[in-house]
Amino acid sequence: MPVMQNMLEGQDYTPHFSGHETFPLRQMWLKKAFEARGGTGVPKSTFTDESAIAFFGVGKNMVASIKHWALACGVFEEDGDDRSSFRINDLWTQILSDREEALDSFCEHPATPWFAHWRLAGVPVGKHRSTTWWWIFNNVLSPTFTREEVQQQLLAYTVRKSLKVSEATLRRDIETCLRGYCPKPDACVEDMAEPMLAELGLILDEGRGVFSFRRGPKASLPDGIFDLAVLDYWRAGLTGESSLAFETLAHGPGSPGRVFKMDENSLAERLMGLEARTGGVLFWMDSSGIRQVMRREVDAKAGKYLVERLLKEAYK
C-alpha cells in the first residue's frame, strides 16, 4: 500500500516563513481581502496604494497581513497570465461572495475556519505559505510541546534545506501560530475575540509554556469539509492510486487525521459514511483486517461537481 511522503522534505516544496506581520488570522480578514476584487481578480496594487489603509480600515502592517492570510488560505492564487493581479479561488468565491447564494458571506459558519485551517496545515497545494503551521500540526507528535522544542525542530529543518532563516523569524512564526489557535489568557479583549481559528479548540495552553493538542471526534467539523480534505490529500500525493490505507489517512503527513487531530475511532466513523456522502466515488472497505478507502474514477466534470456539492453540504 503506498504511503504519502513528507512533502516538506520534497525537492519541489519551497518553505515559507513570516509575512503575517505577527498578526494571527482574524475573523473578517479573508472577507476583507475578497472584497478587494475587481472582476475575477484582485489587483496587487490594492495592498500597496496609499488608499489601502482607508480601504481596509486598518494600519499598514495589518494590510500586509490581510494579503498574507488571503494567500496562505488560498483565497488568492498567483495568476500566471496576469502578474499584476491575484486570481480568486473558485471555492472561496462560493463561500465569501456577496450574492444571495453565497455560503458564508460574513464568516459566521463553523465550516469556514475549518476550511481555512485545512488550507494552512493540510497537505501543501501549490506554493504553501504556512510552513510553521504545517509543521506544528504534522511533525509535532509528542503529547505536549513547547515553543522552544518546535523552534529547534524547524531550525534543524531549515539547515537540512540550506535555508537562511533567523531564529527570531521562526520564533515569531511559532508565536503567531499558537496565538491564532490559543490566545493568551491575559490577552486584550480584541485579541481574545478576533482569531478565526481559536474557535476550533485544536490547541490547549497547559500553562508554563507547555501546549497540547485536543484530539477527538471534532463535532463542529462538517462532513463536507472532511470529505474535501480526503480528496485534496489523495490528489496531492497519490494521484492514480485506487485505494488509500486507513493508517495513511490517520497518521500520514498532511493527512486529515493529523491535521484535524482526530482519534482513530472518530476518523473511522467518518470514513464509513463516505460512500453515501460522495455518491459512491469514495467508499470504505474493512476486509480481513485491512481497512482502506477505495476510489472510483470519474471525469473532470463529475469531479468538479462533487467538490462543489460537498462544499455546499458543509454549510447546511
C-alpha atoms as a PDB file:
ATOM      1  CA  MET A   1       0.000   0.000   0.000  1.00  0.00           C
ATOM      2  CA  PRO A   2       1.520   3.376  -0.994  1.00  0.00           C
ATOM      3  CA  VAL A   3       2.352   5.790   1.810  1.00  0.00           C
ATOM      4  CA  MET A   4       2.253   9.570   1.490  1.00  0.00           C
ATOM      5  CA  GLN A   5       5.725  11.076   1.788  1.00  0.00           C
ATOM      6  CA  ASN A   6       6.569  14.121   3.903  1.00  0.00           C
ATOM      7  CA  MET A   7       6.100  16.804   1.279  1.00  0.00           C
ATOM      8  CA  LEU A   8       8.052  19.436   3.174  1.00  0.00           C
ATOM      9  CA  GLU A   9      11.178  17.369   2.558  1.00  0.00           C
ATOM     10  CA  GLY A  10      10.499  17.120  -1.180  1.00  0.00           C
ATOM     11  CA  GLN A  11      12.654  18.899  -3.726  1.00  0.00           C
ATOM     12  CA  ASP A  12       9.701  20.794  -5.247  1.00  0.00           C
ATOM     13  CA  TYR A  13       8.499  22.292  -1.978  1.00  0.00           C
ATOM     14  CA  THR A  14       9.627  25.836  -1.147  1.00  0.00           C
ATOM     15  CA  PRO A  15       9.212  26.640   2.575  1.00  0.00           C
ATOM     16  CA  HIS A  16       7.698  29.977   3.515  1.00  0.00           C
ATOM     17  CA  PHE A  17       8.058  31.768   6.833  1.00  0.00           C
ATOM     18  CA  SER A  18       6.710  35.160   8.008  1.00  0.00           C
ATOM     19  CA  GLY A  19       4.519  37.584   6.033  1.00  0.00           C
ATOM     20  CA  HIS A  20       1.778  37.833   8.666  1.00  0.00           C
ATOM     21  CA  GLU A  21       3.423  40.775  10.476  1.00  0.00           C
ATOM     22  CA  THR A  22       2.825  38.776  13.713  1.00  0.00           C
ATOM     23  CA  PHE A  23      -0.971  39.173  13.450  1.00  0.00           C
ATOM     24  CA  PRO A  24      -2.976  35.923  13.708  1.00  0.00           C
ATOM     25  CA  LEU A  25      -5.749  35.397  11.154  1.00  0.00           C
ATOM     26  CA  ARG A  26      -8.737  37.467  12.270  1.00  0.00           C
ATOM     27  CA  GLN A  27     -12.408  36.704  11.807  1.00  0.00           C
ATOM     28  CA  MET A  28     -13.274  39.005   8.869  1.00  0.00           C
ATOM     29  CA  TRP A  29      -9.885  39.379   7.197  1.00  0.00           C
ATOM     30  CA  LEU A  30     -10.495  36.836   4.443  1.00  0.00           C
ATOM     31  CA  LYS A  31     -13.744  38.626   3.632  1.00  0.00           C
ATOM     32  CA  LYS A  32     -11.949  41.982   3.605  1.00  0.00           C
ATOM     33  CA  ALA A  33      -9.389  40.593   1.173  1.00  0.00           C
ATOM     34  CA  PHE A  34     -12.111  39.121  -1.027  1.00  0.00           C
ATOM     35  CA  GLU A  35     -13.896  42.472  -1.194  1.00  0.00           C
ATOM     36  CA  ALA A  36     -10.812  43.979  -2.850  1.00  0.00           C
ATOM     37  CA  ARG A  37     -11.621  42.074  -6.046  1.00  0.00           C
ATOM     38  CA  GLY A  38     -12.168  43.732  -9.386  1.00  0.00           C
ATOM     39  CA  GLY A  39     -13.862  41.324 -11.776  1.00  0.00           C
ATOM     40  CA  THR A  40     -12.307  37.886 -11.370  1.00  0.00           C
ATOM     41  CA  GLY A  41      -9.083  39.088  -9.765  1.00  0.00           C
ATOM     42  CA  VAL A  42      -7.559  41.344  -7.123  1.00  0.00           C
ATOM     43  CA  PRO A  43      -5.008  43.935  -8.304  1.00  0.00           C
ATOM     44  CA  LYS A  44      -1.797  43.554  -6.308  1.00  0.00           C
ATOM     45  CA  SER A  45      -1.568  47.335  -6.092  1.00  0.00           C
ATOM     46  CA  THR A  46      -4.651  47.264  -3.837  1.00  0.00           C
ATOM     47  CA  PHE A  47      -2.357  46.366  -0.933  1.00  0.00           C
ATOM     48  CA  THR A  48       0.373  48.911  -1.666  1.00  0.00           C
ATOM     49  CA  ASP A  49      -1.509  52.016  -2.834  1.00  0.00           C
ATOM     50  CA  GLU A  50      -1.831  54.952  -0.468  1.00  0.00           C
ATOM     51  CA  SER A  51      -5.568  54.284  -0.329  1.00  0.00           C
ATOM     52  CA  ALA A  52      -5.065  50.764   1.110  1.00  0.00           C
ATOM     53  CA  ILE A  53      -5.216  51.878   4.757  1.00  0.00           C
ATOM     54  CA  ALA A  54      -8.512  53.686   4.204  1.00  0.00           C
ATOM     55  CA  PHE A  55      -9.937  50.874   2.078  1.00  0.00           C
ATOM     56  CA  PHE A  56      -9.247  48.118   4.608  1.00  0.00           C
ATOM     57  CA  GLY A  57      -9.725  50.313   7.685  1.00  0.00           C
ATOM     58  CA  VAL A  58      -6.549  49.043   9.365  1.00  0.00           C
ATOM     59  CA  GLY A  59      -2.892  50.044   9.653  1.00  0.00           C
ATOM     60  CA  LYS A  60      -0.215  49.394   7.026  1.00  0.00           C
ATOM     61  CA  ASN A  61       1.147  46.274   8.720  1.00  0.00           C
ATOM     62  CA  MET A  62      -2.340  44.800   9.014  1.00  0.00           C
ATOM     63  CA  VAL A  63      -2.953  45.426   5.306  1.00  0.00           C
ATOM     64  CA  ALA A  64       0.125  43.315   4.555  1.00  0.00           C
ATOM     65  CA  SER A  65      -1.132  40.689   6.994  1.00  0.00           C
ATOM     66  CA  ILE A  66      -4.553  40.532   5.313  1.00  0.00           C
ATOM     67  CA  LYS A  67      -2.873  39.899   1.966  1.00  0.00           C
ATOM     68  CA  HIS A  68      -0.677  37.215   3.504  1.00  0.00           C
ATOM     69  CA  TRP A  69      -3.590  35.340   5.049  1.00  0.00           C
ATOM     70  CA  ALA A  70      -5.612  35.511   1.842  1.00  0.00           C
ATOM     71  CA  LEU A  71      -2.700  33.886   0.012  1.00  0.00           C
ATOM     72  CA  ALA A  72      -1.914  31.393   2.779  1.00  0.00           C
ATOM     73  CA  CYS A  73      -5.540  30.218   2.996  1.00  0.00           C
ATOM     74  CA  GLY A  74      -5.851  30.015  -0.777  1.00  0.00           C
ATOM     75  CA  VAL A  75      -8.422  32.794  -1.234  1.00  0.00           C
ATOM     76  CA  PHE A  76      -5.933  34.353  -3.658  1.00  0.00           C
ATOM     77  CA  GLU A  77      -3.717  32.497  -6.098  1.00  0.00           C
ATOM     78  CA  GLU A  78      -0.960  33.720  -8.373  1.00  0.00           C
ATOM     79  CA  ASP A  79      -2.277  34.318 -11.883  1.00  0.00           C
ATOM     80  CA  GLY A  80       0.147  33.015 -14.487  1.00  0.00           C
ATOM     81  CA  ASP A  81      -1.473  35.124 -17.202  1.00  0.00           C
ATOM     82  CA  ASP A  82      -1.643  38.382 -15.279  1.00  0.00           C
ATOM     83  CA  ARG A  83       1.232  39.131 -12.919  1.00  0.00           C
ATOM     84  CA  SER A  84      -0.373  42.383 -11.778  1.00  0.00           C
ATOM     85  CA  SER A  85      -3.336  40.628 -10.148  1.00  0.00           C
ATOM     86  CA  PHE A  86      -4.193  37.701  -7.919  1.00  0.00           C
ATOM     87  CA  ARG A  87      -6.777  35.209  -9.146  1.00  0.00           C
ATOM     88  CA  ILE A  88      -9.610  34.407  -6.737  1.00  0.00           C
ATOM     89  CA  ASN A  89     -10.128  30.752  -5.860  1.00  0.00           C
ATOM     90  CA  ASP A  90     -13.472  29.366  -7.061  1.00  0.00           C
ATOM     91  CA  LEU A  91     -14.320  27.596  -3.794  1.00  0.00           C
ATOM     92  CA  TRP A  92     -13.646  30.680  -1.709  1.00  0.00           C
ATOM     93  CA  THR A  93     -15.778  32.674  -4.152  1.00  0.00           C
ATOM     94  CA  GLN A  94     -18.697  30.363  -3.373  1.00  0.00           C
ATOM     95  CA  ILE A  95     -18.108  30.910   0.336  1.00  0.00           C
ATOM     96  CA  LEU A  96     -17.414  34.649   0.534  1.00  0.00           C
ATOM     97  CA  SER A  97     -19.398  36.122  -2.348  1.00  0.00           C
ATOM     98  CA  ASP A  98     -21.978  38.826  -1.678  1.00  0.00           C
ATOM     99  CA  ARG A  99     -24.506  37.013  -3.837  1.00  0.00           C
ATOM    100  CA  GLU A 100     -27.660  35.625  -2.258  1.00  0.00           C
ATOM    101  CA  GLU A 101     -26.463  32.049  -2.828  1.00  0.00           C
ATOM    102  CA  ALA A 102     -23.131  32.680  -1.065  1.00  0.00           C
ATOM    103  CA  LEU A 103     -22.365  30.104   1.601  1.00  0.00           C
ATOM    104  CA  ASP A 104     -20.897  32.330   4.322  1.00  0.00           C
ATOM    105  CA  SER A 105     -20.569  35.995   3.386  1.00  0.00           C
ATOM    106  CA  PHE A 106     -19.809  37.085   6.958  1.00  0.00           C
ATOM    107  CA  CYS A 107     -17.567  34.183   8.046  1.00  0.00           C
ATOM    108  CA  GLU A 108     -20.041  33.077  10.705  1.00  0.00           C
ATOM    109  CA  HIS A 109     -20.357  29.376   9.848  1.00  0.00           C
ATOM    110  CA  PRO A 110     -18.026  26.849  11.592  1.00  0.00           C
ATOM    111  CA  ALA A 111     -17.139  25.339   8.213  1.00  0.00           C
ATOM    112  CA  THR A 112     -15.155  28.449   7.222  1.00  0.00           C
ATOM    113  CA  PRO A 113     -12.432  28.305   9.924  1.00  0.00           C
ATOM    114  CA  TRP A 114     -12.142  24.544   9.396  1.00  0.00           C
ATOM    115  CA  PHE A 115     -11.612  25.100   5.670  1.00  0.00           C
ATOM    116  CA  ALA A 116      -9.055  27.842   6.379  1.00  0.00           C
ATOM    117  CA  HIS A 117      -7.257  25.551   8.841  1.00  0.00           C
ATOM    118  CA  TRP A 118      -7.059  22.762   6.263  1.00  0.00           C
ATOM    119  CA  ARG A 119      -5.544  25.127   3.705  1.00  0.00           C
ATOM    120  CA  LEU A 120      -2.953  26.284   6.248  1.00  0.00           C
ATOM    121  CA  ALA A 121      -1.979  22.994   7.858  1.00  0.00           C
ATOM    122  CA  GLY A 122      -3.107  20.360   5.360  1.00  0.00           C
ATOM    123  CA  VAL A 123      -1.158  18.844   2.536  1.00  0.00           C
ATOM    124  CA  PRO A 124       0.679  21.600   0.611  1.00  0.00           C
ATOM    125  CA  VAL A 125      -1.052  22.595  -2.609  1.00  0.00           C
ATOM    126  CA  GLY A 126       0.995  24.763  -4.958  1.00  0.00           C
ATOM    127  CA  LYS A 127       3.045  27.385  -3.140  1.00  0.00           C
ATOM    128  CA  HIS A 128       2.391  26.665   0.510  1.00  0.00           C
ATOM    129  CA  ARG A 129       2.841  29.836   2.585  1.00  0.00           C
ATOM    130  CA  SER A 130       2.438  28.460   6.105  1.00  0.00           C
ATOM    131  CA  THR A 131       5.305  26.062   6.758  1.00  0.00           C
ATOM    132  CA  THR A 132       5.225  26.582  10.535  1.00  0.00           C
ATOM    133  CA  TRP A 133       1.509  25.796  10.672  1.00  0.00           C
ATOM    134  CA  TRP A 134       2.070  22.631   8.619  1.00  0.00           C
ATOM    135  CA  TRP A 135       4.976  21.621  10.812  1.00  0.00           C
ATOM    136  CA  ILE A 136       3.218  22.040  14.148  1.00  0.00           C
ATOM    137  CA  PHE A 137       0.162  20.032  13.111  1.00  0.00           C
ATOM    138  CA  ASN A 138       2.043  17.301  11.252  1.00  0.00           C
ATOM    139  CA  ASN A 139       5.534  16.919  12.717  1.00  0.00           C
ATOM    140  CA  VAL A 140       4.922  17.618  16.404  1.00  0.00           C
ATOM    141  CA  LEU A 141       3.897  14.154  17.576  1.00  0.00           C
ATOM    142  CA  SER A 142       4.538  14.252  21.332  1.00  0.00           C
ATOM    143  CA  PRO A 143       1.570  14.616  23.737  1.00  0.00           C
ATOM    144  CA  THR A 144       2.809  18.049  24.839  1.00  0.00           C
ATOM    145  CA  PHE A 145       5.259  20.545  23.355  1.00  0.00           C
ATOM    146  CA  THR A 146       6.843  23.931  23.938  1.00  0.00           C
ATOM    147  CA  ARG A 147       7.698  26.821  21.654  1.00  0.00           C
ATOM    148  CA  GLU A 148      11.388  26.089  22.115  1.00  0.00           C
ATOM    149  CA  GLU A 149      11.024  22.457  21.042  1.00  0.00           C
ATOM    150  CA  VAL A 150       9.193  23.452  17.873  1.00  0.00           C
ATOM    151  CA  GLN A 151      11.797  26.119  17.135  1.00  0.00           C
ATOM    152  CA  GLN A 152      14.642  23.618  17.400  1.00  0.00           C
ATOM    153  CA  GLN A 153      12.842  21.226  15.041  1.00  0.00           C
ATOM    154  CA  LEU A 154      12.207  23.960  12.475  1.00  0.00           C
ATOM    155  CA  LEU A 155      15.753  25.263  12.779  1.00  0.00           C
ATOM    156  CA  ALA A 156      17.107  21.788  12.034  1.00  0.00           C
ATOM    157  CA  TYR A 157      14.743  21.563   9.053  1.00  0.00           C
ATOM    158  CA  THR A 158      15.944  24.867   7.590  1.00  0.00           C
ATOM    159  CA  VAL A 159      19.541  23.688   7.940  1.00  0.00           C
ATOM    160  CA  ARG A 160      18.700  20.491   6.023  1.00  0.00           C
ATOM    161  CA  LYS A 161      17.112  22.629   3.311  1.00  0.00           C
ATOM    162  CA  SER A 162      20.080  25.065   3.270  1.00  0.00           C
ATOM    163  CA  LEU A 163      17.758  27.956   4.080  1.00  0.00           C
ATOM    164  CA  LYS A 164      18.830  31.173   5.755  1.00  0.00           C
ATOM    165  CA  VAL A 165      16.038  31.781   8.263  1.00  0.00           C
ATOM    166  CA  SER A 166      16.794  33.565  11.517  1.00  0.00           C
ATOM    167  CA  GLU A 167      15.796  32.149  14.873  1.00  0.00           C
ATOM    168  CA  ALA A 168      13.855  35.369  15.506  1.00  0.00           C
ATOM    169  CA  THR A 169      11.765  34.771  12.382  1.00  0.00           C
ATOM    170  CA  LEU A 170      10.992  31.210  13.449  1.00  0.00           C
ATOM    171  CA  ARG A 171      10.167  32.367  16.963  1.00  0.00           C
ATOM    172  CA  ARG A 172       7.690  34.979  15.649  1.00  0.00           C
ATOM    173  CA  ASP A 173       6.109  32.441  13.306  1.00  0.00           C
ATOM    174  CA  ILE A 174       5.588  29.917  16.101  1.00  0.00           C
ATOM    175  CA  GLU A 175       4.163  32.507  18.464  1.00  0.00           C
ATOM    176  CA  THR A 176       1.763  33.830  15.803  1.00  0.00           C
ATOM    177  CA  CYS A 177       0.580  30.313  15.031  1.00  0.00           C
ATOM    178  CA  LEU A 178      -0.040  29.412  18.666  1.00  0.00           C
ATOM    179  CA  ARG A 179      -1.831  32.694  19.426  1.00  0.00           C
ATOM    180  CA  GLY A 180      -4.070  32.111  16.412  1.00  0.00           C
ATOM    181  CA  TYR A 181      -5.381  28.855  17.860  1.00  0.00           C
ATOM    182  CA  CYS A 182      -4.900  29.558  21.538  1.00  0.00           C
ATOM    183  CA  PRO A 183      -4.870  33.260  22.555  1.00  0.00           C
ATOM    184  CA  LYS A 184      -3.002  34.162  25.708  1.00  0.00           C
ATOM    185  CA  PRO A 185      -5.206  34.136  28.826  1.00  0.00           C
ATOM    186  CA  ASP A 186      -4.120  37.702  29.633  1.00  0.00           C
ATOM    187  CA  ALA A 187      -4.632  38.995  26.073  1.00  0.00           C
ATOM    188  CA  CYS A 188      -6.733  42.089  25.473  1.00  0.00           C
ATOM    189  CA  VAL A 189     -10.430  41.653  24.654  1.00  0.00           C
ATOM    190  CA  GLU A 190      -9.844  42.301  20.934  1.00  0.00           C
ATOM    191  CA  ASP A 191      -7.110  39.662  20.657  1.00  0.00           C
ATOM    192  CA  MET A 192      -9.197  37.124  22.565  1.00  0.00           C
ATOM    193  CA  ALA A 193     -12.269  37.594  20.359  1.00  0.00           C
ATOM    194  CA  GLU A 194     -10.770  38.050  16.927  1.00  0.00           C
ATOM    195  CA  PRO A 195      -8.646  34.989  15.944  1.00  0.00           C
ATOM    196  CA  MET A 196     -10.685  32.930  13.469  1.00  0.00           C
ATOM    197  CA  LEU A 197      -9.025  29.635  14.282  1.00  0.00           C
ATOM    198  CA  ALA A 198      -9.340  29.855  18.077  1.00  0.00           C
ATOM    199  CA  GLU A 199     -12.930  28.587  17.954  1.00  0.00           C
ATOM    200  CA  LEU A 200     -11.679  25.234  16.615  1.00  0.00           C
ATOM    201  CA  GLY A 201     -10.203  24.383  20.013  1.00  0.00           C
ATOM    202  CA  LEU A 202      -7.326  22.428  18.478  1.00  0.00           C
ATOM    203  CA  ILE A 203      -4.509  23.634  20.743  1.00  0.00           C
ATOM    204  CA  LEU A 204      -4.628  23.884  24.522  1.00  0.00           C
ATOM    205  CA  ASP A 205      -2.396  26.083  26.701  1.00  0.00           C
ATOM    206  CA  GLU A 206      -1.385  23.830  29.598  1.00  0.00           C
ATOM    207  CA  GLY A 207       0.467  26.653  31.364  1.00  0.00           C
ATOM    208  CA  ARG A 208       4.150  27.386  31.966  1.00  0.00           C
ATOM    209  CA  GLY A 209       4.887  27.443  28.247  1.00  0.00           C
ATOM    210  CA  VAL A 210       3.520  23.950  27.570  1.00  0.00           C
ATOM    211  CA  PHE A 211       0.903  23.243  24.878  1.00  0.00           C
ATOM    212  CA  SER A 212      -1.044  20.183  23.761  1.00  0.00           C
ATOM    213  CA  PHE A 213      -3.467  19.187  21.023  1.00  0.00           C
ATOM    214  CA  ARG A 214      -7.113  18.463  21.739  1.00  0.00           C
ATOM    215  CA  ARG A 215      -7.727  15.149  19.977  1.00  0.00           C
ATOM    216  CA  GLY A 216     -11.142  13.635  19.387  1.00  0.00           C
ATOM    217  CA  PRO A 217     -14.176  13.465  17.084  1.00  0.00           C
ATOM    218  CA  LYS A 218     -14.401  17.204  16.199  1.00  0.00           C
ATOM    219  CA  ALA A 219     -18.156  17.649  16.360  1.00  0.00           C
ATOM    220  CA  SER A 220     -18.049  21.100  14.710  1.00  0.00           C
ATOM    221  CA  LEU A 221     -16.114  19.822  11.658  1.00  0.00           C
ATOM    222  CA  PRO A 222     -18.692  19.413   8.853  1.00  0.00           C
ATOM    223  CA  ASP A 223     -18.598  16.183   6.853  1.00  0.00           C
ATOM    224  CA  GLY A 224     -18.272  18.204   3.651  1.00  0.00           C
ATOM    225  CA  ILE A 225     -15.001  19.846   4.747  1.00  0.00           C
ATOM    226  CA  PHE A 226     -13.674  16.499   5.960  1.00  0.00           C
ATOM    227  CA  ASP A 227     -14.552  14.839   2.634  1.00  0.00           C
ATOM    228  CA  LEU A 228     -12.919  17.657   0.659  1.00  0.00           C
ATOM    229  CA  ALA A 229      -9.781  17.184   2.752  1.00  0.00           C
ATOM    230  CA  VAL A 230      -9.707  13.473   1.897  1.00  0.00           C
ATOM    231  CA  LEU A 231      -9.986  14.323  -1.806  1.00  0.00           C
ATOM    232  CA  ASP A 232      -7.286  17.003  -1.519  1.00  0.00           C
ATOM    233  CA  TYR A 233      -4.939  14.647   0.286  1.00  0.00           C
ATOM    234  CA  TRP A 234      -5.442  11.926  -2.287  1.00  0.00           C
ATOM    235  CA  ARG A 235      -4.979  14.276  -5.223  1.00  0.00           C
ATOM    236  CA  ALA A 236      -1.844  15.905  -3.804  1.00  0.00           C
ATOM    237  CA  GLY A 237       0.251  12.793  -3.325  1.00  0.00           C
ATOM    238  CA  LEU A 238      -1.408   9.635  -4.600  1.00  0.00           C
ATOM    239  CA  THR A 239      -2.885  10.546  -7.958  1.00  0.00           C
ATOM    240  CA  GLY A 240      -3.692   7.393  -9.895  1.00  0.00           C
ATOM    241  CA  GLU A 241      -3.988   5.141  -6.841  1.00  0.00           C
ATOM    242  CA  SER A 242      -7.376   3.460  -6.383  1.00  0.00           C
ATOM    243  CA  SER A 243      -7.028   2.807  -2.645  1.00  0.00           C
ATOM    244  CA  LEU A 244      -5.706   4.579   0.415  1.00  0.00           C
ATOM    245  CA  ALA A 245      -4.856   2.824   3.686  1.00  0.00           C
ATOM    246  CA  PHE A 246      -6.607   3.867   6.872  1.00  0.00           C
ATOM    247  CA  GLU A 247      -3.234   4.253   8.601  1.00  0.00           C
ATOM    248  CA  THR A 248      -2.160   6.758   5.949  1.00  0.00           C
ATOM    249  CA  LEU A 249      -5.333   8.821   6.346  1.00  0.00           C
ATOM    250  CA  ALA A 250      -4.925   8.705  10.120  1.00  0.00           C
ATOM    251  CA  HIS A 251      -1.201   9.314  10.506  1.00  0.00           C
ATOM    252  CA  GLY A 252       0.328  10.354   7.166  1.00  0.00           C
ATOM    253  CA  PRO A 253       1.957  13.812   6.971  1.00  0.00           C
ATOM    254  CA  GLY A 254      -0.677  16.320   5.862  1.00  0.00           C
ATOM    255  CA  SER A 255      -3.494  13.802   6.334  1.00  0.00           C
ATOM    256  CA  PRO A 256      -6.984  14.642   7.653  1.00  0.00           C
ATOM    257  CA  GLY A 257      -6.297  12.552  10.754  1.00  0.00           C
ATOM    258  CA  ARG A 258      -3.218  14.550  11.717  1.00  0.00           C
ATOM    259  CA  VAL A 259      -4.405  17.977  10.610  1.00  0.00           C
ATOM    260  CA  PHE A 260      -7.826  17.745  12.279  1.00  0.00           C
ATOM    261  CA  LYS A 261      -6.388  15.886  15.308  1.00  0.00           C
ATOM    262  CA  MET A 262      -8.936  13.082  15.132  1.00  0.00           C
ATOM    263  CA  ASP A 263      -8.562   9.857  17.082  1.00  0.00           C
ATOM    264  CA  GLU A 264      -8.708   6.622  15.075  1.00  0.00           C
ATOM    265  CA  ASN A 265     -12.250   5.668  16.099  1.00  0.00           C
ATOM    266  CA  SER A 266     -13.630   9.080  15.149  1.00  0.00           C
ATOM    267  CA  LEU A 267     -11.778   9.002  11.841  1.00  0.00           C
ATOM    268  CA  ALA A 268     -13.092   5.519  11.016  1.00  0.00           C
ATOM    269  CA  GLU A 269     -16.666   6.614  11.754  1.00  0.00           C
ATOM    270  CA  ARG A 270     -16.325   9.497   9.299  1.00  0.00           C
ATOM    271  CA  LEU A 271     -14.824   7.290   6.626  1.00  0.00           C
ATOM    272  CA  MET A 272     -17.647   4.760   6.915  1.00  0.00           C
ATOM    273  CA  GLY A 273     -20.081   7.394   5.629  1.00  0.00           C
ATOM    274  CA  LEU A 274     -18.022   8.398   2.598  1.00  0.00           C
ATOM    275  CA  GLU A 275     -19.937   6.252   0.111  1.00  0.00           C
ATOM    276  CA  ALA A 276     -23.294   7.863   0.864  1.00  0.00           C
ATOM    277  CA  ARG A 277     -21.880  11.379   1.016  1.00  0.00           C
ATOM    278  CA  THR A 278     -19.829  11.147  -2.202  1.00  0.00           C
ATOM    279  CA  GLY A 279     -22.310   9.189  -4.282  1.00  0.00           C
ATOM    280  CA  GLY A 280     -20.029   6.158  -4.318  1.00  0.00           C
ATOM    281  CA  VAL A 281     -16.938   7.973  -5.635  1.00  0.00           C
ATOM    282  CA  LEU A 282     -15.184   7.174  -2.345  1.00  0.00           C
ATOM    283  CA  PHE A 283     -16.121   4.205  -0.183  1.00  0.00           C
ATOM    284  CA  TRP A 284     -14.887   2.422   2.931  1.00  0.00           C
ATOM    285  CA  MET A 285     -13.702  -1.183   2.991  1.00  0.00           C
ATOM    286  CA  ASP A 286     -12.845  -3.271   6.031  1.00  0.00           C
ATOM    287  CA  SER A 287     -11.980  -6.823   4.974  1.00  0.00           C
ATOM    288  CA  SER A 288      -9.693  -9.407   6.583  1.00  0.00           C
ATOM    289  CA  GLY A 289      -8.351  -6.792   8.964  1.00  0.00           C
ATOM    290  CA  ILE A 290      -7.371  -4.438   6.138  1.00  0.00           C
ATOM    291  CA  ARG A 291      -9.057  -1.052   6.429  1.00  0.00           C
ATOM    292  CA  GLN A 292      -8.899   1.270   3.446  1.00  0.00           C
ATOM    293  CA  VAL A 293     -10.770   3.818   1.371  1.00  0.00           C
ATOM    294  CA  MET A 294     -11.378   2.989  -2.284  1.00  0.00           C
ATOM    295  CA  ARG A 295     -11.924   5.424  -5.122  1.00  0.00           C
ATOM    296  CA  ARG A 296     -13.881   5.109  -8.360  1.00  0.00           C
ATOM    297  CA  GLU A 297     -12.593   7.134 -11.285  1.00  0.00           C
ATOM    298  CA  VAL A 298     -14.789   9.975 -12.549  1.00  0.00           C
ATOM    299  CA  ASP A 299     -14.224  12.506 -15.318  1.00  0.00           C
ATOM    300  CA  ALA A 300     -13.134  16.081 -14.593  1.00  0.00           C
ATOM    301  CA  LYS A 301     -16.656  17.492 -14.860  1.00  0.00           C
ATOM    302  CA  ALA A 302     -18.082  14.980 -12.384  1.00  0.00           C
ATOM    303  CA  GLY A 303     -15.135  15.546 -10.042  1.00  0.00           C
ATOM    304  CA  LYS A 304     -15.703  19.305 -10.061  1.00  0.00           C
ATOM    305  CA  TYR A 305     -19.420  18.812  -9.412  1.00  0.00           C
ATOM    306  CA  LEU A 306     -18.643  16.542  -6.449  1.00  0.00           C
ATOM    307  CA  VAL A 307     -16.319  19.119  -4.888  1.00  0.00           C
ATOM    308  CA  GLU A 308     -18.930  21.870  -5.264  1.00  0.00           C
ATOM    309  CA  ARG A 309     -21.644  19.647  -3.808  1.00  0.00           C
ATOM    310  CA  LEU A 310     -19.520  18.677  -0.808  1.00  0.00           C
ATOM    311  CA  LEU A 311     -18.744  22.325  -0.125  1.00  0.00           C
ATOM    312  CA  LYS A 312     -22.445  23.225  -0.187  1.00  0.00           C
ATOM    313  CA  GLU A 313     -23.248  20.299   2.104  1.00  0.00           C
ATOM    314  CA  ALA A 314     -20.682  21.574   4.590  1.00  0.00           C
ATOM    315  CA  TYR A 315     -22.693  24.788   5.033  1.00  0.00           C
ATOM    316  CA  LYS A 316     -26.108  23.248   5.614  1.00  0.00           C
END
